[in-house]
């Protein structure tokens, strides 16, 4: 299910970025679906399939209230399917506590693109590695059952050494959370 058309971010690798939507679709701001409608869609999927449901678009883009309304509505409608959703920026305990309280069974996807902060900055993502570590730890401390983190190669400012270091950095994150 899609939370939004458009985006509020300008990540370099994304064809759905804010600037791309402005230039190509004349959309000056994201258009969010109601969180209640999203939850209703998931509930309808549940009527037919016992399958994970992927929520496209960081639910926090619409604000804290938007994410909380979405989680609460899923709970109120009795959604039992596993929910996988993505985040575009680091998140903390408040967000993951809400997800755990209302959803119970959820997983995350996060694409910081690189462990290398300079490469990440060149991609339009201005957060540090400590924030990523805190996000992953917070997610697992608050009921997340799976956390997919994506690094890429061939990025601006990325050297061969930096690309190879991504594997070592990923191993460090794996060791940090002690999850199988």
N, C-alpha and C. Protein backbone atom coordinates (compact mmCIF):
# COMPACT_ATOMS: atom_id res chain seq x y z
N UNK A 1 0.85 -1.18 0.00
CA UNK A 1 0.00 0.00 0.00
C UNK A 1 0.89 1.24 0.00
N UNK A 2 0.45 2.24 -0.71
CA UNK A 2 1.22 3.48 -0.84
C UNK A 2 0.66 4.55 0.10
N UNK A 3 1.53 5.16 0.87
CA UNK A 3 1.10 6.21 1.80
C UNK A 3 0.94 7.55 1.11
N UNK A 4 1.64 7.77 0.00
CA UNK A 4 1.75 9.11 -0.55
C UNK A 4 2.07 9.06 -2.04
N UNK A 5 1.67 10.10 -2.71
CA UNK A 5 2.18 10.36 -4.06
C UNK A 5 3.09 11.55 -3.92
N UNK A 6 4.30 11.39 -4.41
CA UNK A 6 5.30 12.43 -4.22
C UNK A 6 6.13 12.14 -2.97
N UNK A 7 6.99 13.07 -2.64
CA UNK A 7 7.88 12.88 -1.50
C UNK A 7 8.34 14.25 -1.01
N UNK A 8 8.76 14.29 0.24
CA UNK A 8 9.27 15.54 0.80
C UNK A 8 10.80 15.56 0.80
N UNK A 9 11.43 14.48 0.34
CA UNK A 9 12.89 14.38 0.34
C UNK A 9 13.43 14.46 -1.09
N UNK A 10 14.73 14.73 -1.19
CA UNK A 10 15.40 14.81 -2.49
C UNK A 10 16.61 13.87 -2.54
N UNK A 11 16.40 12.61 -2.29
CA UNK A 11 17.49 11.64 -2.37
C UNK A 11 17.94 11.52 -3.83
N UNK A 12 19.23 11.51 -4.04
CA UNK A 12 19.78 11.58 -5.40
C UNK A 12 19.39 10.40 -6.28
N UNK A 13 19.19 9.22 -5.69
CA UNK A 13 18.94 8.03 -6.50
C UNK A 13 17.47 7.82 -6.83
N UNK A 14 16.58 8.66 -6.33
CA UNK A 14 15.16 8.38 -6.43
C UNK A 14 14.46 9.20 -7.51
N UNK A 15 13.81 8.52 -8.41
CA UNK A 15 13.02 9.20 -9.44
C UNK A 15 11.72 9.76 -8.90
N UNK A 16 11.37 9.43 -7.66
CA UNK A 16 10.16 9.94 -7.04
C UNK A 16 10.43 11.05 -6.05
N UNK A 17 11.60 11.66 -6.14
CA UNK A 17 11.97 12.71 -5.19
C UNK A 17 11.08 13.94 -5.31
N UNK A 18 11.17 14.81 -4.33
CA UNK A 18 10.39 16.04 -4.32
C UNK A 18 10.63 16.85 -5.60
N UNK A 19 11.90 17.08 -5.95
CA UNK A 19 12.20 17.87 -7.14
C UNK A 19 11.72 17.20 -8.42
N UNK A 20 11.87 15.86 -8.50
CA UNK A 20 11.41 15.14 -9.69
C UNK A 20 9.90 15.27 -9.84
N UNK A 21 9.18 15.14 -8.75
CA UNK A 21 7.73 15.29 -8.81
C UNK A 21 7.33 16.70 -9.19
N UNK A 22 8.07 17.67 -8.72
CA UNK A 22 7.76 19.07 -9.05
C UNK A 22 7.99 19.33 -10.55
N UNK A 23 9.13 18.86 -11.07
CA UNK A 23 9.46 19.10 -12.48
C UNK A 23 8.58 18.29 -13.43
N UNK A 24 8.36 17.02 -13.12
CA UNK A 24 7.68 16.14 -14.06
C UNK A 24 6.16 16.09 -13.90
N UNK A 25 5.69 16.26 -12.69
CA UNK A 25 4.26 16.08 -12.44
C UNK A 25 3.58 17.35 -11.92
N UNK A 26 4.35 18.44 -11.83
CA UNK A 26 3.82 19.71 -11.33
C UNK A 26 3.21 19.57 -9.94
N UNK A 27 3.77 18.66 -9.14
CA UNK A 27 3.30 18.45 -7.77
C UNK A 27 4.24 19.20 -6.83
N UNK A 28 3.73 20.24 -6.17
CA UNK A 28 4.55 21.07 -5.29
C UNK A 28 4.75 20.50 -3.90
N UNK A 29 3.91 19.56 -3.53
CA UNK A 29 4.05 18.92 -2.22
C UNK A 29 3.45 17.52 -2.30
N UNK A 30 3.85 16.66 -1.40
CA UNK A 30 3.31 15.30 -1.41
C UNK A 30 1.80 15.30 -1.14
N UNK A 31 1.11 14.33 -1.72
CA UNK A 31 -0.31 14.14 -1.48
C UNK A 31 -0.47 12.84 -0.68
N UNK A 32 -0.82 12.96 0.57
CA UNK A 32 -0.90 11.80 1.46
C UNK A 32 -2.29 11.18 1.43
N UNK A 33 -2.32 9.87 1.41
CA UNK A 33 -3.59 9.15 1.59
C UNK A 33 -3.91 9.20 3.08
N UNK A 34 -5.15 9.12 3.41
CA UNK A 34 -5.50 9.16 4.83
C UNK A 34 -4.96 7.90 5.51
N UNK A 35 -4.46 8.04 6.72
CA UNK A 35 -3.95 6.86 7.43
C UNK A 35 -5.05 5.83 7.67
N UNK A 36 -6.27 6.29 7.85
CA UNK A 36 -7.38 5.38 8.05
C UNK A 36 -7.65 4.54 6.80
N UNK A 37 -7.54 5.17 5.63
CA UNK A 37 -7.73 4.45 4.37
C UNK A 37 -6.63 3.41 4.15
N UNK A 38 -5.40 3.77 4.51
CA UNK A 38 -4.29 2.80 4.40
C UNK A 38 -4.57 1.57 5.25
N UNK A 39 -4.97 1.80 6.49
CA UNK A 39 -5.26 0.69 7.39
C UNK A 39 -6.42 -0.16 6.86
N UNK A 40 -7.41 0.51 6.29
CA UNK A 40 -8.54 -0.21 5.70
C UNK A 40 -8.08 -1.09 4.53
N UNK A 41 -7.19 -0.56 3.70
CA UNK A 41 -6.65 -1.36 2.59
C UNK A 41 -5.94 -2.60 3.10
N UNK A 42 -5.16 -2.45 4.15
CA UNK A 42 -4.44 -3.59 4.73
C UNK A 42 -5.43 -4.60 5.29
N UNK A 43 -6.47 -4.10 5.93
CA UNK A 43 -7.50 -4.99 6.48
C UNK A 43 -8.17 -5.78 5.34
N UNK A 44 -8.41 -5.14 4.21
CA UNK A 44 -9.00 -5.85 3.06
C UNK A 44 -8.03 -6.90 2.52
N UNK A 45 -6.77 -6.59 2.46
CA UNK A 45 -5.77 -7.58 2.02
C UNK A 45 -5.81 -8.78 2.95
N UNK A 46 -5.90 -8.51 4.24
CA UNK A 46 -5.94 -9.57 5.25
C UNK A 46 -7.14 -10.50 5.05
N UNK A 47 -8.23 -9.96 4.54
CA UNK A 47 -9.42 -10.79 4.29
C UNK A 47 -9.14 -11.91 3.29
N UNK A 48 -8.16 -11.70 2.40
CA UNK A 48 -7.88 -12.65 1.34
C UNK A 48 -6.53 -13.36 1.47
N UNK A 49 -5.58 -12.70 2.08
CA UNK A 49 -4.22 -13.24 2.13
C UNK A 49 -3.61 -13.14 3.52
N UNK A 50 -3.00 -14.21 3.94
CA UNK A 50 -2.21 -14.19 5.16
C UNK A 50 -0.76 -13.97 4.73
N UNK A 51 -0.44 -12.74 4.42
CA UNK A 51 0.86 -12.41 3.85
C UNK A 51 1.36 -11.11 4.42
N UNK A 52 2.66 -10.91 4.45
CA UNK A 52 3.15 -9.59 4.87
C UNK A 52 2.65 -8.51 3.91
N UNK A 53 2.44 -7.33 4.45
CA UNK A 53 2.01 -6.18 3.66
C UNK A 53 3.10 -5.12 3.77
N UNK A 54 3.56 -4.64 2.61
CA UNK A 54 4.61 -3.62 2.59
C UNK A 54 3.97 -2.24 2.42
N UNK A 55 4.26 -1.37 3.35
CA UNK A 55 3.77 0.01 3.32
C UNK A 55 4.87 0.86 2.68
N UNK A 56 4.58 1.41 1.50
CA UNK A 56 5.55 2.20 0.75
C UNK A 56 5.46 3.66 1.20
N UNK A 57 6.59 4.21 1.56
CA UNK A 57 6.64 5.61 2.01
C UNK A 57 6.71 5.69 3.53
N UNK A 58 7.66 6.41 4.02
CA UNK A 58 7.84 6.58 5.46
C UNK A 58 6.57 7.21 6.05
N UNK A 59 5.90 6.51 6.97
CA UNK A 59 4.67 7.08 7.52
C UNK A 59 4.89 8.38 8.30
N UNK A 60 6.13 8.67 8.66
CA UNK A 60 6.42 9.92 9.38
C UNK A 60 6.44 11.14 8.47
N UNK A 61 6.48 10.92 7.15
CA UNK A 61 6.46 12.06 6.23
C UNK A 61 5.24 12.93 6.44
N UNK A 62 4.13 12.32 6.80
CA UNK A 62 2.90 13.06 7.04
C UNK A 62 2.81 13.65 8.43
N UNK A 63 3.86 13.46 9.23
CA UNK A 63 3.89 13.98 10.59
C UNK A 63 3.67 12.88 11.61
N UNK A 64 4.03 13.19 12.85
CA UNK A 64 3.90 12.21 13.94
C UNK A 64 2.45 11.76 14.11
N UNK A 65 1.52 12.69 14.01
CA UNK A 65 0.11 12.37 14.15
C UNK A 65 -0.34 11.40 13.07
N UNK A 66 0.15 11.59 11.84
CA UNK A 66 -0.20 10.72 10.72
C UNK A 66 0.22 9.28 11.03
N UNK A 67 1.47 9.10 11.44
CA UNK A 67 1.97 7.75 11.75
C UNK A 67 1.18 7.13 12.89
N UNK A 68 0.92 7.90 13.92
CA UNK A 68 0.18 7.36 15.07
C UNK A 68 -1.25 6.98 14.67
N UNK A 69 -1.90 7.80 13.88
CA UNK A 69 -3.25 7.48 13.41
C UNK A 69 -3.25 6.20 12.59
N UNK A 70 -2.24 6.04 11.74
CA UNK A 70 -2.14 4.83 10.92
C UNK A 70 -1.97 3.59 11.80
N UNK A 71 -1.01 3.64 12.73
CA UNK A 71 -0.78 2.48 13.60
C UNK A 71 -2.03 2.15 14.42
N UNK A 72 -2.64 3.18 14.98
CA UNK A 72 -3.83 2.99 15.81
C UNK A 72 -4.98 2.39 15.00
N UNK A 73 -5.18 2.88 13.80
CA UNK A 73 -6.27 2.37 12.96
C UNK A 73 -6.02 0.91 12.59
N UNK A 74 -4.78 0.55 12.30
CA UNK A 74 -4.47 -0.87 12.03
C UNK A 74 -4.88 -1.72 13.23
N UNK A 75 -4.55 -1.25 14.40
CA UNK A 75 -4.90 -1.96 15.64
C UNK A 75 -6.41 -2.05 15.81
N UNK A 76 -7.09 -0.92 15.64
CA UNK A 76 -8.54 -0.88 15.84
C UNK A 76 -9.29 -1.76 14.83
N UNK A 77 -8.76 -1.90 13.63
CA UNK A 77 -9.39 -2.74 12.61
C UNK A 77 -9.01 -4.21 12.75
N UNK A 78 -8.13 -4.52 13.69
CA UNK A 78 -7.75 -5.91 13.92
C UNK A 78 -6.77 -6.46 12.90
N UNK A 79 -5.91 -5.61 12.35
CA UNK A 79 -4.91 -6.07 11.40
C UNK A 79 -3.94 -7.01 12.12
N UNK A 80 -3.81 -8.21 11.59
CA UNK A 80 -2.91 -9.21 12.17
C UNK A 80 -1.75 -9.53 11.24
N UNK A 81 -1.87 -9.18 9.96
CA UNK A 81 -0.79 -9.46 9.01
C UNK A 81 0.49 -8.75 9.46
N UNK A 82 1.59 -9.36 9.10
CA UNK A 82 2.89 -8.72 9.34
C UNK A 82 2.96 -7.46 8.48
N UNK A 83 3.38 -6.35 9.09
CA UNK A 83 3.52 -5.10 8.36
C UNK A 83 5.00 -4.78 8.22
N UNK A 84 5.42 -4.55 7.00
CA UNK A 84 6.79 -4.10 6.72
C UNK A 84 6.68 -2.67 6.21
N UNK A 85 7.46 -1.78 6.77
CA UNK A 85 7.44 -0.42 6.27
C UNK A 85 8.83 0.15 6.20
N UNK A 86 8.93 1.24 5.46
CA UNK A 86 10.23 1.85 5.24
C UNK A 86 10.30 3.19 5.98
N UNK A 87 11.52 3.54 6.32
CA UNK A 87 11.78 4.87 6.86
C UNK A 87 12.84 5.52 5.99
N UNK A 88 12.76 6.84 5.89
CA UNK A 88 13.69 7.58 5.05
C UNK A 88 14.76 8.29 5.85
N UNK A 89 14.55 8.43 7.14
CA UNK A 89 15.48 9.10 8.05
C UNK A 89 15.57 8.25 9.32
N UNK A 90 16.61 8.43 10.11
CA UNK A 90 16.68 7.70 11.38
C UNK A 90 15.44 7.93 12.23
N UNK A 91 15.12 6.95 13.06
CA UNK A 91 13.95 7.02 13.94
C UNK A 91 14.37 6.63 15.35
N UNK A 92 13.58 7.04 16.33
CA UNK A 92 13.89 6.77 17.72
C UNK A 92 12.83 5.95 18.44
N UNK A 93 13.02 5.83 19.74
CA UNK A 93 12.15 5.01 20.57
C UNK A 93 10.68 5.38 20.45
N UNK A 94 10.35 6.66 20.41
CA UNK A 94 8.94 7.06 20.35
C UNK A 94 8.23 6.41 19.16
N UNK A 95 8.86 6.47 18.00
CA UNK A 95 8.27 5.90 16.80
C UNK A 95 8.13 4.38 16.90
N UNK A 96 9.20 3.72 17.32
CA UNK A 96 9.16 2.26 17.38
C UNK A 96 8.26 1.75 18.50
N UNK A 97 8.14 2.50 19.58
CA UNK A 97 7.20 2.11 20.64
C UNK A 97 5.77 2.15 20.12
N UNK A 98 5.45 3.17 19.33
CA UNK A 98 4.11 3.24 18.72
C UNK A 98 3.87 2.04 17.82
N UNK A 99 4.83 1.75 16.95
CA UNK A 99 4.69 0.61 16.04
C UNK A 99 4.49 -0.68 16.83
N UNK A 100 5.28 -0.88 17.84
CA UNK A 100 5.19 -2.10 18.64
C UNK A 100 3.86 -2.18 19.38
N UNK A 101 3.43 -1.08 19.94
CA UNK A 101 2.18 -1.07 20.71
C UNK A 101 0.97 -1.39 19.84
N UNK A 102 0.91 -0.76 18.67
CA UNK A 102 -0.28 -0.91 17.82
C UNK A 102 -0.20 -2.04 16.81
N UNK A 103 1.00 -2.36 16.32
CA UNK A 103 1.12 -3.37 15.28
C UNK A 103 1.53 -4.73 15.82
N UNK A 104 2.46 -4.73 16.74
CA UNK A 104 2.95 -5.99 17.27
C UNK A 104 3.95 -6.67 16.36
N UNK A 105 3.53 -7.10 15.19
CA UNK A 105 4.40 -7.84 14.27
C UNK A 105 4.77 -6.93 13.10
N UNK A 106 5.99 -6.38 13.16
CA UNK A 106 6.40 -5.47 12.09
C UNK A 106 7.88 -5.62 11.80
N UNK A 107 8.26 -5.17 10.60
CA UNK A 107 9.66 -5.13 10.22
C UNK A 107 9.93 -3.81 9.50
N UNK A 108 11.20 -3.52 9.31
CA UNK A 108 11.62 -2.22 8.78
C UNK A 108 12.51 -2.39 7.56
N UNK A 109 12.48 -1.37 6.72
CA UNK A 109 13.46 -1.22 5.63
C UNK A 109 13.98 0.20 5.68
N UNK A 110 15.29 0.32 5.53
CA UNK A 110 15.94 1.63 5.63
C UNK A 110 17.11 1.62 4.65
N UNK A 111 17.23 2.66 3.84
CA UNK A 111 18.26 2.73 2.81
C UNK A 111 19.16 3.95 3.00
N UNK A 112 20.14 3.85 3.89
CA UNK A 112 21.08 4.96 4.02
C UNK A 112 22.11 5.01 2.90
N UNK A 113 22.09 4.03 2.00
CA UNK A 113 22.90 3.94 0.79
C UNK A 113 24.35 3.55 1.03
N UNK A 114 24.97 4.07 2.07
CA UNK A 114 26.38 3.79 2.34
C UNK A 114 26.67 3.96 3.82
N UNK A 115 27.68 3.24 4.28
CA UNK A 115 28.16 3.45 5.64
C UNK A 115 29.01 4.72 5.71
N UNK A 116 29.49 5.17 4.57
CA UNK A 116 30.39 6.31 4.46
C UNK A 116 29.57 7.60 4.50
N UNK A 117 29.75 8.38 5.55
CA UNK A 117 28.94 9.58 5.74
C UNK A 117 29.11 10.60 4.61
N UNK A 118 30.30 10.68 4.01
CA UNK A 118 30.52 11.62 2.91
C UNK A 118 29.76 11.17 1.65
N UNK A 119 29.73 9.88 1.41
CA UNK A 119 28.97 9.35 0.28
C UNK A 119 27.48 9.58 0.53
N UNK A 120 27.04 9.31 1.74
CA UNK A 120 25.63 9.51 2.08
C UNK A 120 25.24 10.98 1.89
N UNK A 121 26.09 11.87 2.30
CA UNK A 121 25.81 13.30 2.13
C UNK A 121 25.69 13.66 0.65
N UNK A 122 26.56 13.06 -0.19
CA UNK A 122 26.49 13.31 -1.63
C UNK A 122 25.18 12.79 -2.22
N UNK A 123 24.57 11.82 -1.56
CA UNK A 123 23.29 11.27 -2.01
C UNK A 123 22.11 12.06 -1.47
N UNK A 124 22.38 13.09 -0.68
CA UNK A 124 21.31 13.94 -0.16
C UNK A 124 20.79 13.51 1.19
N UNK A 125 21.55 12.68 1.89
CA UNK A 125 21.12 12.16 3.18
C UNK A 125 22.11 12.62 4.25
N UNK A 126 21.71 13.57 5.04
CA UNK A 126 22.63 14.22 5.97
C UNK A 126 22.55 13.74 7.40
N UNK A 127 22.57 12.46 7.63
CA UNK A 127 22.59 11.95 9.00
C UNK A 127 23.82 11.07 9.19
N UNK A 128 24.23 10.90 10.43
CA UNK A 128 25.48 10.21 10.73
C UNK A 128 25.26 8.73 11.06
N UNK A 129 26.37 8.02 11.18
CA UNK A 129 26.32 6.58 11.46
C UNK A 129 25.77 6.28 12.85
N UNK A 130 26.05 7.16 13.79
CA UNK A 130 25.54 6.95 15.15
C UNK A 130 24.00 6.92 15.12
N UNK A 131 23.40 7.77 14.31
CA UNK A 131 21.94 7.80 14.18
C UNK A 131 21.41 6.49 13.61
N UNK A 132 22.13 5.91 12.68
CA UNK A 132 21.72 4.62 12.11
C UNK A 132 21.81 3.53 13.18
N UNK A 133 22.89 3.52 13.93
CA UNK A 133 23.05 2.54 15.00
C UNK A 133 21.93 2.66 16.03
N UNK A 134 21.61 3.89 16.42
CA UNK A 134 20.54 4.11 17.39
C UNK A 134 19.18 3.67 16.83
N UNK A 135 18.96 3.89 15.54
CA UNK A 135 17.71 3.50 14.91
C UNK A 135 17.54 1.98 14.95
N UNK A 136 18.55 1.27 14.54
CA UNK A 136 18.47 -0.19 14.50
C UNK A 136 18.29 -0.75 15.91
N UNK A 137 19.06 -0.25 16.84
CA UNK A 137 18.95 -0.71 18.23
C UNK A 137 17.56 -0.43 18.78
N UNK A 138 17.06 0.76 18.55
CA UNK A 138 15.73 1.13 19.03
C UNK A 138 14.66 0.25 18.41
N UNK A 139 14.77 -0.03 17.12
CA UNK A 139 13.78 -0.88 16.46
C UNK A 139 13.73 -2.26 17.12
N UNK A 140 14.89 -2.88 17.29
CA UNK A 140 14.91 -4.22 17.88
C UNK A 140 14.50 -4.20 19.35
N UNK A 141 14.79 -3.14 20.05
CA UNK A 141 14.38 -3.02 21.45
C UNK A 141 12.88 -2.82 21.59
N UNK A 142 12.23 -2.50 20.49
CA UNK A 142 10.79 -2.22 20.52
C UNK A 142 10.00 -3.11 19.57
N UNK A 143 10.37 -4.37 19.51
CA UNK A 143 9.54 -5.37 18.85
C UNK A 143 9.76 -5.62 17.38
N UNK A 144 10.63 -4.89 16.72
CA UNK A 144 10.89 -5.13 15.30
C UNK A 144 11.46 -6.53 15.14
N UNK A 145 10.91 -7.30 14.21
CA UNK A 145 11.37 -8.68 14.03
C UNK A 145 12.41 -8.82 12.92
N UNK A 146 12.48 -7.82 12.05
CA UNK A 146 13.46 -7.85 10.96
C UNK A 146 13.77 -6.42 10.56
N UNK A 147 15.03 -6.17 10.29
CA UNK A 147 15.44 -4.82 9.88
C UNK A 147 16.34 -4.97 8.67
N UNK A 148 15.83 -4.58 7.50
CA UNK A 148 16.62 -4.62 6.27
C UNK A 148 17.27 -3.26 6.06
N UNK A 149 18.58 -3.27 5.93
CA UNK A 149 19.34 -2.05 5.72
C UNK A 149 20.05 -2.18 4.38
N UNK A 150 19.93 -1.17 3.53
CA UNK A 150 20.46 -1.27 2.18
C UNK A 150 21.63 -0.32 1.95
N UNK A 151 22.75 -0.89 1.53
CA UNK A 151 23.90 -0.14 1.05
C UNK A 151 24.05 -0.45 -0.44
N UNK A 152 24.59 0.50 -1.19
CA UNK A 152 24.77 0.32 -2.63
C UNK A 152 26.22 0.61 -3.00
N UNK A 153 26.56 0.25 -4.22
CA UNK A 153 27.88 0.59 -4.75
C UNK A 153 27.69 1.42 -6.01
N UNK A 154 28.77 2.09 -6.42
CA UNK A 154 28.73 2.92 -7.61
C UNK A 154 28.13 4.29 -7.35
N UNK A 155 28.24 4.77 -6.13
CA UNK A 155 27.63 6.04 -5.74
C UNK A 155 28.60 7.21 -5.90
N UNK A 156 28.08 8.42 -6.02
CA UNK A 156 28.96 9.60 -6.08
C UNK A 156 29.87 9.67 -4.85
N UNK A 157 31.10 10.05 -5.08
CA UNK A 157 32.11 10.20 -4.03
C UNK A 157 32.57 8.87 -3.44
N UNK A 158 32.03 7.76 -3.90
CA UNK A 158 32.40 6.46 -3.35
C UNK A 158 33.66 5.92 -4.04
N UNK A 159 34.64 5.56 -3.24
CA UNK A 159 35.85 4.93 -3.76
C UNK A 159 35.69 3.41 -3.66
N UNK A 160 36.61 2.71 -4.30
CA UNK A 160 36.60 1.24 -4.19
C UNK A 160 36.73 0.84 -2.73
N UNK A 161 37.65 1.50 -2.02
CA UNK A 161 37.87 1.19 -0.60
C UNK A 161 36.61 1.44 0.22
N UNK A 162 35.94 2.54 -0.05
CA UNK A 162 34.70 2.84 0.67
C UNK A 162 33.64 1.79 0.41
N UNK A 163 33.50 1.37 -0.83
CA UNK A 163 32.52 0.34 -1.17
C UNK A 163 32.84 -0.97 -0.44
N UNK A 164 34.12 -1.34 -0.40
CA UNK A 164 34.51 -2.57 0.29
C UNK A 164 34.31 -2.46 1.80
N UNK A 165 34.47 -1.26 2.33
CA UNK A 165 34.27 -1.04 3.77
C UNK A 165 32.81 -1.20 4.18
N UNK A 166 31.90 -1.10 3.23
CA UNK A 166 30.48 -1.27 3.55
C UNK A 166 30.21 -2.63 4.16
N UNK A 167 30.88 -3.66 3.68
CA UNK A 167 30.68 -5.00 4.24
C UNK A 167 31.15 -5.06 5.69
N UNK A 168 32.29 -4.44 5.97
CA UNK A 168 32.78 -4.41 7.35
C UNK A 168 31.84 -3.61 8.25
N UNK A 169 31.32 -2.52 7.73
CA UNK A 169 30.39 -1.70 8.51
C UNK A 169 29.10 -2.47 8.78
N UNK A 170 28.61 -3.20 7.79
CA UNK A 170 27.40 -4.01 7.97
C UNK A 170 27.63 -5.07 9.03
N UNK A 171 28.80 -5.69 9.01
CA UNK A 171 29.13 -6.70 10.03
C UNK A 171 29.14 -6.05 11.42
N UNK A 172 29.64 -4.83 11.50
CA UNK A 172 29.64 -4.12 12.78
C UNK A 172 28.23 -3.87 13.29
N UNK A 173 27.31 -3.53 12.39
CA UNK A 173 25.92 -3.32 12.80
C UNK A 173 25.29 -4.64 13.24
N UNK A 174 25.61 -5.69 12.52
CA UNK A 174 25.11 -7.03 12.87
C UNK A 174 25.56 -7.39 14.29
N UNK A 175 26.83 -7.16 14.56
CA UNK A 175 27.37 -7.47 15.88
C UNK A 175 26.76 -6.58 16.96
N UNK A 176 26.45 -5.35 16.61
CA UNK A 176 25.88 -4.38 17.56
C UNK A 176 24.55 -4.89 18.12
N UNK A 177 23.69 -5.41 17.26
CA UNK A 177 22.36 -5.80 17.72
C UNK A 177 22.26 -7.26 18.14
N UNK A 178 23.26 -8.04 17.81
CA UNK A 178 23.31 -9.45 18.23
C UNK A 178 22.04 -10.20 17.84
N UNK A 179 21.60 -10.00 16.59
CA UNK A 179 20.42 -10.70 16.07
C UNK A 179 20.85 -11.65 14.99
N UNK A 180 20.13 -12.77 14.88
CA UNK A 180 20.44 -13.75 13.85
C UNK A 180 19.69 -13.39 12.58
